[in-house]
Amino acid sequence: MANALLETLNPGGWPISIAQLPVGTALVGGAVRDGLLNRLNKNPDLDFVVPNNAIKITQDIAKNLDATFVVLDEQRDIARLVFKNWTIDLAKQFGSTLEEDLWHRDFRLNAIALRLGSIPEIVDPTGGIADLRKNQLVAVRERNLIEDPLRLLRALRFVAELNLSLDPQTRTFINTYSNLLPKAAPERIQLELQRIVCLHEADEVIELLKELGLLNPWSGYFDSLNCGPPTFKNQKFLNTKEICLALPLARLTHLLSDTGLTYLRFSRRQRERCKSLRKWLKLNDGLAFETLDERDRLQLHQELEDDLPALIIQLSSKQQEVWINRWRDLEDPLFHPFCPIDGHTLQEVLDLPAGPKLGVLMNHLCQERAFGRLSNLDKTFEEARNWWKHNSPFL
């Protein structure tokens, strides 16, 4: 099995050679797990455990490769090498033996090592290979989850990512210690959530997140929206690209409040997108927003134009089909609104001054175009003249 695993891992394709690593080095973590599952990426992340001097070894290899070198944890002697599309981590072995190191990891299927050398050897002290065969996620030890509470959230990501069942005892641990998750760094929590919401297979995990209360400190909007959490399995009218655009944003909007997004260090742009989507979801009348006046309907499409699929997947099936077809039509004047004349042209042709009045006029023309009342350029200029004549004195 060790020789077959090494062949699958294809060390000849790695940017570093095994010969550059010290005697006693072992490959651990995701690459070993995915190699055993025959689901390796082209450039898998490589995590090595070395007996000593991980930072120094990584630095020396980085110089030879002219690669990026990053110290991840100076105290624990962990460093990273980034070269082209590869990420390689080296860490000093925890404890006096490789087996002791593996007993301190998160889940048994991640606690499998391939000891490198003239004769490769698989080291599996916790029973991770048996878990892989059962498609089951089992914590190595209760205290390992307590020591790093992010592992509580990571468990659910692995369940979705690898299509695993969650061991009942491990689920009990997660439920018992869910209140410890805020002790993890916000940036680490954000990264795990970003990965979860992007997974098509995460529908059940999203429900489990809510059930276990892992995100309670940063949620609070489950009952305030006019629809349930969006699911991948119910998407019939959007293509794969559209779902990849829509689903992560829609899920985040349901999982986290504005305050939660801020606390977990989501970008300003991401927070604005969620806030805007949440605003319009609350205004959903169940009739595809037909009860809104024209100004509000235009504003909806102006604010959500690029992110509209995230709203569409939360409409009824009939409404989804109509809306996604209109959104795909880049010539649809409401779903892709814009003013038919730019500001400079309006100033030159109609001799108008620059300023906020001009912006109000342009938005008016955008609305007239969106609802089909401007059929050509002549009508547009005529509408602009009439509007300016009747409204300019009051602005």
Protein backbone atom coordinates (compact mmCIF):
# COMPACT_ATOMS: atom_id res chain seq x y z
CA MET A 1 0.00 0.00 0.00
CA ALA A 2 2.84 2.43 0.81
CA ASN A 3 4.48 1.89 -2.58
CA ALA A 4 1.16 2.33 -4.38
CA LEU A 5 0.46 5.51 -2.42
CA LEU A 6 3.90 6.92 -3.24
CA GLU A 7 3.34 6.19 -6.92
CA THR A 8 -0.02 7.96 -6.80
CA LEU A 9 1.58 10.97 -5.11
CA ASN A 10 4.13 11.13 -7.96
CA PRO A 11 7.07 12.71 -6.10
CA GLY A 12 8.88 13.07 -9.41
CA GLY A 13 6.42 15.85 -10.23
CA TRP A 14 7.00 17.77 -7.00
CA PRO A 15 9.06 20.97 -7.16
CA ILE A 16 11.33 19.54 -4.46
CA SER A 17 12.93 16.10 -4.28
CA ILE A 18 12.77 13.69 -1.38
CA ALA A 19 16.58 13.83 -1.32
CA GLN A 20 16.38 17.49 -0.20
CA LEU A 21 14.52 16.44 2.94
CA PRO A 22 16.22 15.04 6.05
CA VAL A 23 16.12 11.41 7.12
CA GLY A 24 12.98 10.75 9.11
CA THR A 25 10.76 13.06 7.05
CA ALA A 26 7.11 12.04 6.62
CA LEU A 27 4.34 13.34 4.40
CA VAL A 28 1.16 13.91 6.40
CA GLY A 29 -2.32 15.40 6.14
CA GLY A 30 -4.49 16.03 3.12
CA ALA A 31 -2.14 14.78 0.41
CA VAL A 32 -1.86 11.36 2.08
CA ARG A 33 -5.60 11.20 2.68
CA ASP A 34 -6.50 12.26 -0.86
CA GLY A 35 -3.89 9.94 -2.34
CA LEU A 36 -5.52 7.00 -0.56
CA LEU A 37 -8.91 8.19 -1.83
CA ASN A 38 -7.59 8.61 -5.40
CA ARG A 39 -8.78 12.24 -5.45
CA LEU A 40 -5.50 14.14 -5.61
CA ASN A 41 -5.39 17.54 -7.24
CA LYS A 42 -2.78 18.18 -9.92
CA ASN A 43 -0.72 20.25 -7.48
CA PRO A 44 -1.73 19.02 -4.01
CA ASP A 45 -0.67 20.94 -0.91
CA LEU A 46 2.24 19.04 0.62
CA ASP A 47 2.70 18.92 4.40
CA PHE A 48 5.92 17.43 5.69
CA VAL A 49 6.95 16.61 9.24
CA VAL A 50 10.71 16.74 9.81
CA PRO A 51 12.66 15.80 12.94
CA ASN A 52 14.11 19.30 13.47
CA ASN A 53 14.95 22.68 11.91
CA ALA A 54 11.86 22.96 9.71
CA ILE A 55 12.24 26.71 9.19
CA LYS A 56 15.93 26.45 8.29
CA ILE A 57 15.32 23.58 5.85
CA THR A 58 12.44 25.45 4.17
CA GLN A 59 14.55 28.60 3.86
CA ASP A 60 17.42 26.68 2.22
CA ILE A 61 15.09 24.98 -0.27
CA ALA A 62 13.43 28.32 -1.07
CA LYS A 63 16.82 29.85 -1.93
CA ASN A 64 17.63 26.99 -4.30
CA LEU A 65 14.25 27.27 -6.02
CA ASP A 66 14.02 31.06 -5.88
CA ALA A 67 10.64 30.49 -4.21
CA THR A 68 8.68 32.44 -1.62
CA PHE A 69 9.49 31.58 1.98
CA VAL A 70 7.12 32.31 4.87
CA VAL A 71 7.50 31.57 8.57
CA LEU A 72 4.09 30.37 9.79
CA ASP A 73 4.93 29.73 13.43
CA GLU A 74 8.41 30.48 14.71
CA GLN A 75 7.79 29.01 18.16
CA ARG A 76 6.52 25.69 16.78
CA ASP A 77 9.07 25.71 13.94
CA ILE A 78 6.67 25.71 10.97
CA ALA A 79 7.36 27.33 7.59
CA ARG A 80 5.86 27.49 4.11
CA LEU A 81 7.31 27.36 0.64
CA VAL A 82 5.30 28.79 -2.27
CA PHE A 83 6.52 27.97 -5.76
CA LYS A 84 4.43 28.50 -8.88
CA ASN A 85 1.17 26.60 -8.17
CA TRP A 86 2.56 24.64 -5.23
CA THR A 87 2.24 25.21 -1.48
CA ILE A 88 4.58 23.17 0.69
CA ASP A 89 4.63 23.28 4.50
CA LEU A 90 7.36 21.91 6.72
CA ALA A 91 6.81 21.47 10.46
CA LYS A 92 8.95 20.14 13.23
CA GLN A 93 7.67 16.85 14.58
CA PHE A 94 5.54 17.27 17.70
CA GLY A 95 6.80 14.98 20.45
CA SER A 96 9.50 12.37 20.36
CA THR A 97 7.97 10.14 17.67
CA LEU A 98 5.94 10.49 14.50
CA GLU A 99 3.16 8.50 16.13
CA GLU A 100 2.95 11.03 18.96
CA ASP A 101 2.70 13.83 16.40
CA LEU A 102 -0.19 12.07 14.65
CA TRP A 103 -2.09 11.60 17.91
CA HIS A 104 -2.24 15.39 18.26
CA ARG A 105 -4.01 15.95 14.91
CA ASP A 106 -7.67 16.75 14.32
CA PHE A 107 -9.32 13.73 12.69
CA ARG A 108 -8.17 10.19 12.24
CA LEU A 109 -8.28 10.30 8.44
CA ASN A 110 -5.90 13.29 8.61
CA ALA A 111 -3.59 11.47 11.04
CA ILE A 112 -2.09 9.13 8.46
CA ALA A 113 1.55 9.60 7.46
CA LEU A 114 3.77 8.28 4.72
CA ARG A 115 7.28 7.95 6.09
CA LEU A 116 9.68 8.69 3.22
CA GLY A 117 12.89 6.78 2.71
CA SER A 118 14.38 3.89 0.76
CA ILE A 119 11.39 1.81 1.88
CA PRO A 120 8.23 3.96 2.25
CA GLU A 121 6.01 3.16 5.20
CA ILE A 122 2.45 4.11 6.08
CA VAL A 123 1.99 5.12 9.71
CA ASP A 124 -1.61 5.04 10.96
CA PRO A 125 -1.76 4.83 14.76
CA THR A 126 -5.32 6.15 15.16
CA GLY A 127 -7.16 4.06 12.53
CA GLY A 128 -7.60 6.66 9.81
CA ILE A 129 -7.47 4.16 6.94
CA ALA A 130 -10.39 2.24 8.45
CA ASP A 131 -12.34 5.52 8.63
CA LEU A 132 -11.64 6.18 4.95
CA ARG A 133 -13.06 2.79 4.09
CA LYS A 134 -16.18 3.57 6.12
CA ASN A 135 -16.48 7.13 4.71
CA GLN A 136 -16.61 8.39 8.27
CA LEU A 137 -15.13 11.42 10.05
CA VAL A 138 -13.91 10.65 13.57
CA ALA A 139 -12.03 12.98 15.91
CA VAL A 140 -8.66 11.72 17.10
CA ARG A 141 -9.34 12.83 20.68
CA GLU A 142 -11.78 15.10 22.47
CA ARG A 143 -9.05 17.32 23.86
CA ASN A 144 -7.61 17.94 20.38
CA LEU A 145 -10.84 19.75 19.45
CA ILE A 146 -10.75 21.77 22.65
CA GLU A 147 -7.14 22.83 22.06
CA ASP A 148 -8.00 24.20 18.60
CA PRO A 149 -11.75 24.97 18.39
CA LEU A 150 -11.51 25.79 14.67
CA ARG A 151 -11.48 22.03 14.20
CA LEU A 152 -15.16 22.03 15.21
CA LEU A 153 -15.98 24.00 12.07
CA ARG A 154 -13.41 22.23 9.93
CA ALA A 155 -15.14 18.93 10.70
CA LEU A 156 -18.25 20.07 8.85
CA ARG A 157 -16.19 21.25 5.90
CA PHE A 158 -14.59 17.80 5.61
CA VAL A 159 -18.01 16.13 5.82
CA ALA A 160 -19.22 18.13 2.82
CA GLU A 161 -15.96 18.17 0.90
CA LEU A 162 -15.29 14.43 1.16
CA ASN A 163 -18.91 13.21 1.33
CA LEU A 164 -18.45 11.67 4.77
CA SER A 165 -20.77 10.73 7.59
CA LEU A 166 -20.11 12.36 10.94
CA ASP A 167 -19.24 9.97 13.76
CA PRO A 168 -21.91 10.32 16.50
CA GLN A 169 -19.35 10.84 19.25
CA THR A 170 -17.57 13.48 17.19
CA ARG A 171 -20.88 15.21 16.61
CA THR A 172 -21.45 15.22 20.37
CA PHE A 173 -18.04 16.81 20.87
CA ILE A 174 -18.88 19.55 18.34
CA ASN A 175 -22.23 20.21 19.99
CA THR A 176 -20.68 20.27 23.47
CA TYR A 177 -17.86 22.66 22.63
CA SER A 178 -19.51 24.84 19.98
CA ASN A 179 -19.24 27.80 22.37
CA LEU A 180 -15.43 27.59 22.08
CA LEU A 181 -15.31 28.48 18.36
CA PRO A 182 -15.04 32.26 19.03
CA LYS A 183 -11.65 31.55 20.61
CA ALA A 184 -10.28 30.78 17.13
CA ALA A 185 -8.89 33.68 15.10
CA PRO A 186 -11.64 35.41 13.06
CA GLU A 187 -9.59 35.13 9.87
CA ARG A 188 -9.34 31.35 10.27
CA ILE A 189 -13.09 31.03 10.82
CA GLN A 190 -13.73 33.16 7.75
CA LEU A 191 -11.51 30.98 5.59
CA GLU A 192 -13.32 27.80 6.62
CA LEU A 193 -16.72 29.40 5.97
CA GLN A 194 -15.63 30.63 2.56
CA ARG A 195 -14.68 27.09 1.65
CA ILE A 196 -17.92 25.61 3.01
CA VAL A 197 -20.31 27.97 1.22
CA CYS A 198 -18.57 27.32 -2.12
CA LEU A 199 -19.18 23.57 -1.93
CA HIS A 200 -22.17 22.40 -3.95
CA GLU A 201 -22.50 19.43 -1.58
CA ALA A 202 -22.83 21.61 1.54
CA ASP A 203 -26.65 21.73 1.80
CA GLU A 204 -26.84 19.30 4.73
CA VAL A 205 -23.80 20.82 6.41
CA ILE A 206 -25.36 24.29 6.24
CA GLU A 207 -28.37 22.90 8.11
CA LEU A 208 -26.05 21.19 10.59
CA LEU A 209 -24.19 24.45 11.18
CA LYS A 210 -27.45 26.03 12.25
CA GLU A 211 -28.57 23.01 14.26
CA LEU A 212 -25.33 22.83 16.23
CA GLY A 213 -25.28 26.59 16.79
CA LEU A 214 -21.66 26.97 15.72
CA LEU A 215 -22.31 30.35 14.13
CA ASN A 216 -24.72 31.72 16.75
CA PRO A 217 -22.32 34.48 17.89
CA TRP A 218 -22.34 35.94 14.36
CA SER A 219 -25.79 35.07 13.02
CA GLY A 220 -29.24 36.35 13.87
CA TYR A 221 -30.96 36.53 10.51
CA PHE A 222 -32.35 33.03 10.04
CA ASP A 223 -35.91 34.14 10.72
CA SER A 224 -35.77 37.67 9.34
CA LEU A 225 -35.64 36.79 5.64
CA ASN A 226 -38.65 35.80 3.60
CA CYS A 227 -37.14 32.50 2.45
CA GLY A 228 -35.14 29.58 3.75
CA PRO A 229 -31.42 28.98 3.12
CA PRO A 230 -30.70 28.44 -0.59
CA THR A 231 -29.83 24.87 -1.58
CA PHE A 232 -27.86 23.45 -4.46
CA LYS A 233 -30.20 20.52 -5.04
CA ASN A 234 -33.12 22.82 -5.83
CA GLN A 235 -31.35 24.72 -8.61
CA LYS A 236 -32.93 23.74 -11.94
CA PHE A 237 -32.54 26.78 -14.15
CA LEU A 238 -29.05 28.14 -13.41
CA ASN A 239 -25.96 26.71 -15.06
CA THR A 240 -22.84 25.72 -13.13
CA LYS A 241 -21.12 29.08 -13.58
CA GLU A 242 -24.21 30.97 -12.40
CA ILE A 243 -24.60 28.71 -9.36
CA CYS A 244 -20.94 29.23 -8.42
CA LEU A 245 -21.61 32.97 -8.51
CA ALA A 246 -24.90 32.83 -6.64
CA LEU A 247 -24.72 30.12 -4.00
CA PRO A 248 -21.77 31.30 -1.84
CA LEU A 249 -23.14 34.83 -1.54
CA ALA A 250 -26.69 33.63 -0.85
CA ARG A 251 -25.48 31.20 1.83
CA LEU A 252 -23.32 33.80 3.58
CA THR A 253 -26.25 36.20 3.65
CA HIS A 254 -28.31 33.61 5.51
CA LEU A 255 -25.56 32.41 7.83
CA LEU A 256 -24.06 35.69 9.04
CA SER A 257 -25.38 39.07 10.13
CA ASP A 258 -23.76 42.33 9.05
CA THR A 259 -22.05 42.49 12.44
CA GLY A 260 -20.89 38.89 12.08
CA LEU A 261 -19.40 39.53 8.65
CA THR A 262 -17.48 42.47 10.10
CA TYR A 263 -16.22 40.55 13.13
CA LEU A 264 -15.00 37.68 10.97
CA ARG A 265 -12.98 40.10 8.84
CA PHE A 266 -14.85 39.67 5.57
CA SER A 267 -13.84 42.27 3.01
CA ARG A 268 -15.75 45.51 2.73
CA ARG A 269 -16.93 44.51 -0.75
CA GLN A 270 -18.23 41.17 0.51
CA ARG A 271 -20.06 42.84 3.38
CA GLU A 272 -21.69 45.33 1.02
CA ARG A 273 -22.82 42.56 -1.31
CA CYS A 274 -24.42 40.59 1.54
CA LYS A 275 -26.05 43.70 2.98
CA SER A 276 -27.59 44.64 -0.36
CA LEU A 277 -28.86 41.12 -1.03
CA ARG A 278 -30.34 40.88 2.48
CA LYS A 279 -32.10 44.23 1.98
CA TRP A 280 -33.92 43.02 -1.13
CA LEU A 281 -34.70 39.58 0.27
CA LYS A 282 -36.58 41.29 3.10
CA LEU A 283 -38.62 43.18 0.50
CA ASN A 284 -39.52 40.04 -1.44
CA ASP A 285 -43.30 40.12 -1.83
CA GLY A 286 -43.53 36.59 -3.24
CA LEU A 287 -44.64 38.10 -6.55
CA ALA A 288 -41.20 38.70 -8.09
CA PHE A 289 -41.25 42.24 -6.62
CA GLU A 290 -44.15 43.30 -8.86
CA THR A 291 -45.73 45.28 -6.00
CA LEU A 292 -42.72 47.59 -5.77
CA ASP A 293 -42.94 50.87 -7.60
CA GLU A 294 -40.79 51.48 -10.67
CA ARG A 295 -38.15 53.44 -8.83
CA ASP A 296 -37.58 50.64 -6.30
CA ARG A 297 -37.55 47.95 -8.98
CA LEU A 298 -34.94 49.89 -10.91
CA GLN A 299 -32.88 50.34 -7.76
CA LEU A 300 -33.04 46.59 -7.13
CA HIS A 301 -31.50 45.85 -10.51
CA GLN A 302 -28.96 48.65 -10.20
CA GLU A 303 -27.73 47.41 -6.83
CA LEU A 304 -27.82 43.70 -7.60
CA GLU A 305 -27.07 43.59 -11.31
CA ASP A 306 -23.90 41.47 -11.09
CA ASP A 307 -25.14 39.50 -8.08
CA LEU A 308 -28.73 39.01 -9.21
CA PRO A 309 -28.41 35.18 -9.47
CA ALA A 310 -27.98 35.13 -5.67
CA LEU A 311 -31.48 36.60 -5.43
CA ILE A 312 -32.90 34.55 -8.29
CA ILE A 313 -32.09 31.18 -6.68
CA GLN A 314 -34.30 32.20 -3.77
CA LEU A 315 -37.40 32.90 -5.89
CA SER A 316 -40.07 30.37 -6.86
CA SER A 317 -39.25 27.97 -9.71
CA LYS A 318 -41.46 29.83 -12.17
CA GLN A 319 -39.95 33.18 -11.25
CA GLN A 320 -36.42 31.75 -11.39
CA GLU A 321 -36.84 30.65 -15.00
CA VAL A 322 -38.15 34.03 -16.13
CA TRP A 323 -35.60 36.07 -14.19
CA ILE A 324 -32.49 34.07 -15.13
CA ASN A 325 -33.42 34.24 -18.82
CA ARG A 326 -33.84 37.99 -18.59
CA TRP A 327 -30.57 38.34 -16.66
CA ARG A 328 -28.75 36.36 -19.36
CA ASP A 329 -30.03 38.82 -21.96
CA LEU A 330 -27.47 41.61 -21.72
CA GLU A 331 -29.79 43.83 -23.77
CA ASP A 332 -32.63 43.62 -21.24
CA PRO A 333 -33.10 47.28 -20.23
CA LEU A 334 -34.35 46.55 -16.68
CA PHE A 335 -32.09 43.67 -15.73
CA HIS A 336 -29.02 45.50 -17.06
CA PRO A 337 -29.97 49.16 -16.58
CA PHE A 338 -27.93 52.13 -17.74
CA CYS A 339 -28.54 55.65 -18.95
CA PRO A 340 -28.80 55.68 -22.77
CA ILE A 341 -26.81 58.95 -22.98
CA ASP A 342 -23.61 59.72 -21.11
CA GLY A 343 -23.30 62.89 -19.06
CA HIS A 344 -20.83 64.66 -21.36
CA THR A 345 -23.16 64.26 -24.35
CA LEU A 346 -26.12 65.60 -22.37
CA GLN A 347 -24.06 68.62 -21.34
CA GLU A 348 -22.89 69.36 -24.87
CA VAL A 349 -26.13 68.78 -26.78
CA LEU A 350 -28.52 70.35 -24.25
CA ASP A 351 -26.05 72.88 -22.83
CA LEU A 352 -26.51 71.58 -19.29
CA PRO A 353 -24.21 72.30 -16.34
CA ALA A 354 -22.39 69.58 -14.46
CA GLY A 355 -23.56 68.73 -10.94
CA PRO A 356 -26.02 66.61 -8.97
CA LYS A 357 -28.97 67.76 -11.14
CA LEU A 358 -27.37 66.07 -14.11
CA GLY A 359 -27.09 62.82 -12.12
CA VAL A 360 -30.78 62.92 -11.23
CA LEU A 361 -31.66 63.42 -14.91
CA MET A 362 -29.48 60.50 -15.96
CA ASN A 363 -31.18 58.22 -13.42
CA HIS A 364 -34.56 59.34 -14.75
CA LEU A 365 -33.52 58.45 -18.30
CA CYS A 366 -32.24 55.11 -17.04
CA GLN A 367 -35.67 54.42 -15.52
CA GLU A 368 -37.49 55.48 -18.70
CA ARG A 369 -35.30 53.13 -20.73
CA ALA A 370 -35.70 50.29 -18.21
CA PHE A 371 -39.49 50.32 -18.57
CA GLY A 372 -39.55 50.64 -22.34
CA ARG A 373 -40.47 54.29 -22.79
CA LEU A 374 -37.42 55.34 -24.80
CA SER A 375 -37.37 53.67 -28.19
CA ASN A 376 -34.66 55.73 -29.89
CA LEU A 377 -32.13 58.52 -29.39
CA ASP A 378 -34.45 61.30 -30.55
CA LYS A 379 -37.05 60.35 -27.94
CA THR A 380 -34.31 60.22 -25.33
CA PHE A 381 -33.15 63.77 -26.04
CA GLU A 382 -36.75 64.96 -26.14
CA GLU A 383 -37.46 63.36 -22.75
CA ALA A 384 -34.28 64.91 -21.35
CA ARG A 385 -35.26 68.41 -22.52
CA ASN A 386 -38.78 68.09 -21.15
CA TRP A 387 -37.60 66.71 -17.84
CA TRP A 388 -35.00 69.44 -17.40
CA LYS A 389 -37.52 72.13 -18.28
CA HIS A 390 -40.07 70.92 -15.72
CA ASN A 391 -37.79 69.73 -12.94
CA SER A 392 -34.63 71.81 -12.99
CA PRO A 393 -36.11 74.77 -11.06
CA PHE A 394 -37.12 72.46 -8.20
CA LEU A 395 -33.79 70.70 -7.77
